[in-house]
């Protein structure tokens, strides 16, 4: 199993426009072979000293996949390719941290 933490940088002031588009895609992603978990998250302020905020224009994607190949297939799924085209101009940058539990 792998865990993926993706940080998505959204165009300034457009997170509220971006989120419903991405949220609408989640049911399809959850039906993909090998998808264990997939959710979106944004910063929340706490009193935890070691907390760092990603920023108001950053959406985190927290994912679990049965394998790296399942995640790679996800990235090339037709609905994901269409999604990337739809959010062009809203999604400025994406960084993925792909992790293996120990």
N, C-alpha and C. Protein backbone atom coordinates (compact mmCIF):
# COMPACT_ATOMS: atom_id res chain seq x y z
N UNK A 1 0.85 -1.18 0.00
CA UNK A 1 0.00 0.00 0.00
C UNK A 1 0.88 1.23 0.00
N UNK A 2 0.42 2.27 -0.69
CA UNK A 2 1.11 3.55 -0.65
C UNK A 2 0.13 4.62 -0.18
N UNK A 3 0.69 5.66 0.38
CA UNK A 3 -0.06 6.84 0.78
C UNK A 3 0.44 7.99 -0.09
N UNK A 4 -0.46 8.83 -0.51
CA UNK A 4 -0.10 9.99 -1.32
C UNK A 4 -0.64 11.23 -0.62
N UNK A 5 0.23 12.21 -0.46
CA UNK A 5 -0.19 13.52 0.03
C UNK A 5 0.19 14.50 -1.07
N UNK A 6 -0.82 15.00 -1.75
CA UNK A 6 -0.60 15.96 -2.83
C UNK A 6 -0.99 17.35 -2.36
N UNK A 7 -0.16 18.32 -2.67
CA UNK A 7 -0.44 19.72 -2.38
C UNK A 7 -0.76 20.41 -3.69
N UNK A 8 -1.96 20.96 -3.78
CA UNK A 8 -2.43 21.60 -5.00
C UNK A 8 -2.50 23.10 -4.79
N UNK A 9 -1.73 23.82 -5.55
CA UNK A 9 -1.74 25.29 -5.47
C UNK A 9 -2.80 25.82 -6.43
N UNK A 10 -3.78 26.52 -5.87
CA UNK A 10 -4.91 27.03 -6.63
C UNK A 10 -4.70 28.52 -6.89
N UNK A 11 -5.21 29.00 -8.01
CA UNK A 11 -5.10 30.42 -8.36
C UNK A 11 -5.66 31.28 -7.23
N UNK A 12 -5.02 32.41 -6.94
CA UNK A 12 -5.46 33.28 -5.84
C UNK A 12 -6.95 33.62 -5.93
N UNK A 13 -7.62 33.43 -4.80
CA UNK A 13 -9.03 33.78 -4.69
C UNK A 13 -9.99 32.82 -5.38
N UNK A 14 -9.50 31.65 -5.84
CA UNK A 14 -10.36 30.77 -6.64
C UNK A 14 -10.57 29.38 -6.02
N UNK A 15 -10.17 29.21 -4.75
CA UNK A 15 -10.35 27.91 -4.09
C UNK A 15 -11.83 27.53 -4.04
N UNK A 16 -12.71 28.48 -3.74
CA UNK A 16 -14.14 28.18 -3.66
C UNK A 16 -14.71 27.75 -5.01
N UNK A 17 -14.11 28.18 -6.08
CA UNK A 17 -14.52 27.76 -7.42
C UNK A 17 -13.97 26.37 -7.75
N UNK A 18 -12.74 26.11 -7.29
CA UNK A 18 -12.06 24.86 -7.57
C UNK A 18 -12.65 23.67 -6.82
N UNK A 19 -12.91 23.84 -5.53
CA UNK A 19 -13.31 22.71 -4.67
C UNK A 19 -14.52 21.92 -5.18
N UNK A 20 -15.63 22.55 -5.58
CA UNK A 20 -16.77 21.75 -6.03
C UNK A 20 -16.46 20.91 -7.28
N UNK A 21 -15.59 21.42 -8.13
CA UNK A 21 -15.21 20.67 -9.33
C UNK A 21 -14.46 19.41 -8.93
N UNK A 22 -13.52 19.54 -8.01
CA UNK A 22 -12.73 18.39 -7.56
C UNK A 22 -13.59 17.44 -6.73
N UNK A 23 -14.42 17.98 -5.87
CA UNK A 23 -15.28 17.14 -5.03
C UNK A 23 -16.23 16.28 -5.87
N UNK A 24 -16.68 16.81 -7.00
CA UNK A 24 -17.58 16.06 -7.88
C UNK A 24 -16.89 14.84 -8.50
N UNK A 25 -15.58 14.86 -8.57
CA UNK A 25 -14.80 13.77 -9.16
C UNK A 25 -14.56 12.61 -8.17
N UNK A 26 -14.67 12.88 -6.89
CA UNK A 26 -14.29 11.90 -5.87
C UNK A 26 -15.05 10.57 -5.99
N UNK A 27 -16.36 10.54 -6.21
CA UNK A 27 -17.03 9.24 -6.33
C UNK A 27 -16.44 8.35 -7.43
N UNK A 28 -16.07 8.94 -8.56
CA UNK A 28 -15.44 8.17 -9.64
C UNK A 28 -14.09 7.63 -9.20
N UNK A 29 -13.32 8.45 -8.52
CA UNK A 29 -12.00 8.02 -8.07
C UNK A 29 -12.12 6.88 -7.08
N UNK A 30 -13.06 6.97 -6.15
CA UNK A 30 -13.23 5.93 -5.15
C UNK A 30 -13.63 4.58 -5.77
N UNK A 31 -14.20 4.61 -6.98
CA UNK A 31 -14.56 3.37 -7.67
C UNK A 31 -13.39 2.79 -8.48
N UNK A 32 -12.29 3.53 -8.58
CA UNK A 32 -11.15 3.03 -9.35
C UNK A 32 -10.53 1.82 -8.65
N UNK A 33 -10.05 0.88 -9.46
CA UNK A 33 -9.38 -0.29 -8.92
C UNK A 33 -8.14 0.14 -8.14
N UNK A 34 -8.04 -0.32 -6.91
CA UNK A 34 -6.87 -0.03 -6.09
C UNK A 34 -7.00 1.18 -5.20
N UNK A 35 -8.08 1.96 -5.33
CA UNK A 35 -8.26 3.13 -4.47
C UNK A 35 -8.82 2.68 -3.13
N UNK A 36 -8.12 3.05 -2.06
CA UNK A 36 -8.54 2.70 -0.70
C UNK A 36 -9.20 3.90 -0.04
N UNK A 37 -8.62 5.07 -0.25
CA UNK A 37 -9.13 6.29 0.39
C UNK A 37 -8.72 7.49 -0.45
N UNK A 38 -9.59 8.51 -0.49
CA UNK A 38 -9.31 9.72 -1.25
C UNK A 38 -10.12 10.85 -0.64
N UNK A 39 -9.45 11.88 -0.15
CA UNK A 39 -10.17 13.01 0.42
C UNK A 39 -9.40 14.31 0.22
N UNK A 40 -10.15 15.39 0.25
CA UNK A 40 -9.59 16.73 0.13
C UNK A 40 -9.58 17.37 1.51
N UNK A 41 -8.59 18.22 1.75
CA UNK A 41 -8.50 18.93 3.03
C UNK A 41 -7.85 20.29 2.81
N UNK A 42 -8.18 21.22 3.69
CA UNK A 42 -7.56 22.55 3.69
C UNK A 42 -7.07 22.84 5.10
N UNK A 43 -6.21 23.83 5.21
CA UNK A 43 -5.66 24.21 6.51
C UNK A 43 -6.74 24.50 7.54
N UNK A 44 -6.42 24.16 8.77
CA UNK A 44 -7.20 24.61 9.92
C UNK A 44 -6.21 25.06 10.98
N UNK A 45 -6.46 26.18 11.57
CA UNK A 45 -5.55 26.71 12.58
C UNK A 45 -5.75 26.00 13.91
N UNK A 46 -4.64 25.69 14.56
CA UNK A 46 -4.67 25.08 15.88
C UNK A 46 -3.63 25.78 16.76
N UNK A 47 -3.52 25.34 17.99
CA UNK A 47 -2.49 25.88 18.88
C UNK A 47 -1.26 24.97 18.93
N UNK A 48 -1.15 24.02 18.01
CA UNK A 48 -0.02 23.10 17.97
C UNK A 48 1.22 23.86 17.48
N UNK A 49 2.26 23.89 18.32
CA UNK A 49 3.46 24.67 18.02
C UNK A 49 4.15 24.26 16.72
N UNK A 50 4.18 22.98 16.42
CA UNK A 50 4.93 22.54 15.25
C UNK A 50 4.13 22.64 13.95
N UNK A 51 2.89 23.09 14.02
CA UNK A 51 2.05 23.19 12.83
C UNK A 51 2.58 24.25 11.88
N UNK A 52 2.59 23.91 10.60
CA UNK A 52 2.85 24.88 9.54
C UNK A 52 1.63 24.87 8.63
N UNK A 53 1.17 26.04 8.28
CA UNK A 53 0.03 26.14 7.38
C UNK A 53 0.50 26.13 5.94
N UNK A 54 -0.20 25.39 5.10
CA UNK A 54 0.15 25.34 3.68
C UNK A 54 -0.22 26.64 2.97
N UNK A 55 -1.28 27.28 3.42
CA UNK A 55 -1.70 28.55 2.84
C UNK A 55 -3.13 28.49 2.35
N UNK A 56 -3.75 29.65 2.20
CA UNK A 56 -5.17 29.71 1.84
C UNK A 56 -5.47 29.26 0.42
N UNK A 57 -4.46 29.21 -0.43
CA UNK A 57 -4.66 28.78 -1.81
C UNK A 57 -4.17 27.36 -2.05
N UNK A 58 -4.01 26.57 -0.99
CA UNK A 58 -3.52 25.20 -1.13
C UNK A 58 -4.58 24.22 -0.66
N UNK A 59 -4.85 23.25 -1.51
CA UNK A 59 -5.74 22.14 -1.19
C UNK A 59 -4.87 20.89 -1.09
N UNK A 60 -5.03 20.15 -0.01
CA UNK A 60 -4.33 18.88 0.15
C UNK A 60 -5.23 17.74 -0.30
N UNK A 61 -4.61 16.77 -0.96
CA UNK A 61 -5.31 15.54 -1.31
C UNK A 61 -4.62 14.43 -0.54
N UNK A 62 -5.39 13.71 0.27
CA UNK A 62 -4.87 12.60 1.07
C UNK A 62 -5.42 11.32 0.43
N UNK A 63 -4.51 10.45 -0.01
CA UNK A 63 -4.93 9.26 -0.75
C UNK A 63 -4.23 8.02 -0.22
N UNK A 64 -4.92 6.88 -0.37
CA UNK A 64 -4.31 5.58 -0.11
C UNK A 64 -4.63 4.70 -1.32
N UNK A 65 -3.60 4.04 -1.82
CA UNK A 65 -3.74 3.15 -2.98
C UNK A 65 -3.13 1.80 -2.64
N UNK A 66 -3.70 0.75 -3.20
CA UNK A 66 -3.19 -0.60 -2.94
C UNK A 66 -1.77 -0.78 -3.48
N UNK A 67 -1.41 -0.01 -4.51
CA UNK A 67 -0.08 -0.13 -5.10
C UNK A 67 0.28 1.13 -5.86
N UNK A 68 1.57 1.29 -6.13
CA UNK A 68 2.02 2.43 -6.93
C UNK A 68 1.44 2.35 -8.34
N UNK A 69 1.32 1.14 -8.88
CA UNK A 69 0.77 1.01 -10.23
C UNK A 69 -0.70 1.42 -10.28
N UNK A 70 -1.45 1.16 -9.21
CA UNK A 70 -2.85 1.61 -9.16
C UNK A 70 -2.91 3.14 -9.16
N UNK A 71 -2.00 3.77 -8.42
CA UNK A 71 -1.96 5.24 -8.41
C UNK A 71 -1.57 5.78 -9.78
N UNK A 72 -0.60 5.15 -10.41
CA UNK A 72 -0.19 5.59 -11.75
C UNK A 72 -1.33 5.45 -12.75
N UNK A 73 -2.10 4.36 -12.65
CA UNK A 73 -3.27 4.19 -13.52
C UNK A 73 -4.30 5.28 -13.26
N UNK A 74 -4.48 5.63 -12.01
CA UNK A 74 -5.40 6.71 -11.63
C UNK A 74 -5.04 8.01 -12.35
N UNK A 75 -3.76 8.32 -12.38
CA UNK A 75 -3.33 9.57 -13.00
C UNK A 75 -3.66 9.64 -14.49
N UNK A 76 -3.79 8.48 -15.12
CA UNK A 76 -4.08 8.41 -16.55
C UNK A 76 -5.52 8.04 -16.87
N UNK A 77 -6.35 7.90 -15.84
CA UNK A 77 -7.76 7.57 -16.07
C UNK A 77 -8.44 8.68 -16.87
N UNK A 78 -9.31 8.33 -17.80
CA UNK A 78 -9.95 9.36 -18.64
C UNK A 78 -10.63 10.47 -17.85
N UNK A 79 -11.31 10.13 -16.73
CA UNK A 79 -11.99 11.17 -15.96
C UNK A 79 -11.00 12.09 -15.26
N UNK A 80 -9.81 11.59 -14.93
CA UNK A 80 -8.79 12.44 -14.30
C UNK A 80 -8.15 13.34 -15.35
N UNK A 81 -7.90 12.81 -16.53
CA UNK A 81 -7.35 13.62 -17.63
C UNK A 81 -8.33 14.75 -17.97
N UNK A 82 -9.62 14.42 -18.06
CA UNK A 82 -10.64 15.44 -18.36
C UNK A 82 -10.72 16.48 -17.25
N UNK A 83 -10.59 16.03 -16.00
CA UNK A 83 -10.59 16.94 -14.86
C UNK A 83 -9.45 17.94 -14.95
N UNK A 84 -8.24 17.45 -15.26
CA UNK A 84 -7.08 18.35 -15.37
C UNK A 84 -7.31 19.41 -16.45
N UNK A 85 -7.94 19.02 -17.54
CA UNK A 85 -8.25 19.99 -18.59
C UNK A 85 -9.28 21.01 -18.09
N UNK A 86 -10.24 20.54 -17.33
CA UNK A 86 -11.30 21.42 -16.83
C UNK A 86 -10.78 22.46 -15.85
N UNK A 87 -9.78 22.10 -15.03
CA UNK A 87 -9.28 23.02 -14.01
C UNK A 87 -8.03 23.78 -14.47
N UNK A 88 -7.70 23.66 -15.74
CA UNK A 88 -6.57 24.43 -16.26
C UNK A 88 -6.83 25.92 -16.03
N UNK A 89 -5.86 26.58 -15.45
CA UNK A 89 -6.03 27.98 -15.09
C UNK A 89 -6.43 28.16 -13.63
N UNK A 90 -7.11 27.17 -13.05
CA UNK A 90 -7.42 27.19 -11.62
C UNK A 90 -6.30 26.52 -10.83
N UNK A 91 -5.84 25.37 -11.32
CA UNK A 91 -4.79 24.61 -10.66
C UNK A 91 -3.44 25.06 -11.23
N UNK A 92 -2.65 25.74 -10.39
CA UNK A 92 -1.39 26.30 -10.85
C UNK A 92 -0.22 25.33 -10.74
N UNK A 93 -0.24 24.50 -9.69
CA UNK A 93 0.89 23.60 -9.45
C UNK A 93 0.43 22.45 -8.56
N UNK A 94 1.02 21.28 -8.78
CA UNK A 94 0.72 20.12 -7.94
C UNK A 94 2.02 19.43 -7.56
N UNK A 95 2.16 19.11 -6.29
CA UNK A 95 3.32 18.38 -5.78
C UNK A 95 2.80 17.17 -5.02
N UNK A 96 3.35 16.00 -5.32
CA UNK A 96 2.89 14.78 -4.65
C UNK A 96 4.02 14.18 -3.82
N UNK A 97 3.68 13.81 -2.61
CA UNK A 97 4.57 13.05 -1.74
C UNK A 97 4.00 11.64 -1.72
N UNK A 98 4.77 10.69 -2.22
CA UNK A 98 4.31 9.31 -2.31
C UNK A 98 5.08 8.53 -1.24
N UNK A 99 4.33 7.96 -0.30
CA UNK A 99 4.91 7.38 0.90
C UNK A 99 4.53 5.92 1.06
N UNK A 100 5.43 5.17 1.66
CA UNK A 100 5.17 3.77 1.97
C UNK A 100 5.18 3.60 3.49
N UNK A 101 4.11 3.03 4.05
CA UNK A 101 4.11 2.84 5.51
C UNK A 101 5.24 1.92 5.94
N UNK A 102 5.77 2.19 7.12
CA UNK A 102 6.86 1.36 7.68
C UNK A 102 6.43 0.74 8.99
